[in-house]
Amino acid sequence: MPAATVRPVAIKLDEDTKARLKRLADARQRTSHWLMREAITQYVEREEKREAFRQDTLKAWETYRATGLHLSAEEADAWLAKLEEGEDLAPPACHG
């Protein structure tokens, strides 16, 4: 697999944030650059997961609107309680 092309990107930070970043980098024995890359990578990964969850939610809502199939909160809670007790159960069937 070829290595990804890495290109510099400028980011503007206020002096207070830059100083805080420098102190943290020194404490962690890392560079400020490493901390910024790590922070951005973690943020992007977290936000991608949030967006995927949001898209799944929208699809589920559209499916419900089209079919009316659902579980009640009580049915879902009862199923989850059994899973917590160690029972390996399939989810209950949805109904209209």
Protein backbone atom coordinates (compact mmCIF):
# COMPACT_ATOMS: atom_id res chain seq x y z
CA MET A 1 0.00 0.00 0.00
CA PRO A 2 1.56 3.34 -1.00
CA ALA A 3 2.12 5.93 1.70
CA ALA A 4 -0.37 8.78 1.85
CA THR A 5 0.81 12.12 0.58
CA VAL A 6 1.36 14.45 3.52
CA ARG A 7 1.01 18.16 2.89
CA PRO A 8 1.42 20.99 5.35
CA VAL A 9 -1.67 22.87 6.48
CA ALA A 10 -1.63 26.15 8.36
CA ILE A 11 -3.71 26.60 11.48
CA LYS A 12 -4.15 29.86 13.35
CA LEU A 13 -4.11 29.63 17.14
CA ASP A 14 -4.30 32.37 19.71
CA GLU A 15 -1.25 32.85 21.93
CA ASP A 16 -2.89 31.33 25.00
CA THR A 17 -3.79 28.12 23.14
CA LYS A 18 -0.31 27.92 21.64
CA ALA A 19 1.26 28.27 25.10
CA ARG A 20 -1.04 25.62 26.56
CA LEU A 21 -0.24 23.30 23.67
CA LYS A 22 3.50 23.85 24.18
CA ARG A 23 3.25 23.10 27.92
CA LEU A 24 1.31 19.92 27.26
CA ALA A 25 3.71 18.83 24.52
CA ASP A 26 6.66 19.35 26.85
CA ALA A 27 4.94 17.41 29.63
CA ARG A 28 4.18 14.52 27.28
CA GLN A 29 7.62 14.67 25.67
CA ARG A 30 6.02 15.16 22.28
CA THR A 31 6.02 17.97 19.77
CA SER A 32 3.18 20.43 19.44
CA HIS A 33 2.86 19.20 15.86
CA TRP A 34 2.34 15.61 17.06
CA LEU A 35 -0.33 16.69 19.54
CA MET A 36 -2.20 18.69 16.90
CA ARG A 37 -2.15 15.79 14.42
CA GLU A 38 -3.32 13.37 17.13
CA ALA A 39 -6.11 15.71 18.22
CA ILE A 40 -7.33 16.22 14.66
CA THR A 41 -7.18 12.50 13.89
CA GLN A 42 -9.17 11.63 17.02
CA TYR A 43 -11.71 14.38 16.31
CA VAL A 44 -12.26 13.27 12.71
CA GLU A 45 -12.63 9.60 13.71
CA ARG A 46 -15.12 10.50 16.47
CA GLU A 47 -17.16 12.76 14.19
CA GLU A 48 -17.22 10.16 11.41
CA LYS A 49 -18.68 7.66 13.90
CA ARG A 50 -21.24 10.23 15.06
CA GLU A 51 -22.24 10.94 11.46
CA ALA A 52 -22.56 7.21 10.68
CA PHE A 53 -24.78 6.84 13.76
CA ARG A 54 -26.87 9.83 12.64
CA GLN A 55 -27.29 8.34 9.17
CA ASP A 56 -28.31 4.97 10.68
CA THR A 57 -30.85 6.79 12.83
CA LEU A 58 -32.33 8.60 9.83
CA LYS A 59 -32.59 5.30 7.92
CA ALA A 60 -34.29 3.63 10.89
CA TRP A 61 -36.75 6.51 11.16
CA GLU A 62 -37.59 6.29 7.47
CA THR A 63 -38.07 2.52 7.75
CA TYR A 64 -40.39 3.02 10.72
CA ARG A 65 -42.37 5.67 8.85
CA ALA A 66 -42.71 3.37 5.84
CA THR A 67 -43.59 0.18 7.70
CA GLY A 68 -44.75 1.16 11.19
CA LEU A 69 -42.77 -1.79 12.59
CA HIS A 70 -41.36 -1.18 16.07
CA LEU A 71 -40.68 -2.49 19.57
CA SER A 72 -42.07 -0.89 22.67
CA ALA A 73 -39.66 0.42 25.29
CA GLU A 74 -40.85 -2.32 27.65
CA GLU A 75 -40.11 -5.03 25.07
CA ALA A 76 -36.65 -3.64 24.39
CA ASP A 77 -35.91 -3.27 28.13
CA ALA A 78 -37.01 -6.85 28.84
CA TRP A 79 -34.79 -8.17 26.05
CA LEU A 80 -31.80 -6.12 27.22
CA ALA A 81 -32.32 -7.30 30.81
CA LYS A 82 -32.13 -10.92 29.65
CA LEU A 83 -28.94 -10.17 27.73
CA GLU A 84 -27.46 -8.62 30.88
CA GLU A 85 -28.32 -11.81 32.76
CA GLY A 86 -26.24 -13.77 30.27
CA GLU A 87 -29.00 -15.18 28.08
CA ASP A 88 -28.07 -15.20 24.39
CA LEU A 89 -31.36 -14.20 22.79
CA ALA A 90 -32.21 -12.83 19.38
CA PRO A 91 -34.00 -9.50 19.51
CA PRO A 92 -37.80 -9.72 19.67
CA ALA A 93 -39.71 -9.40 16.40
CA CYS A 94 -40.94 -5.96 15.47
CA HIS A 95 -44.66 -5.43 15.13
CA GLY A 96 -47.01 -2.79 13.78
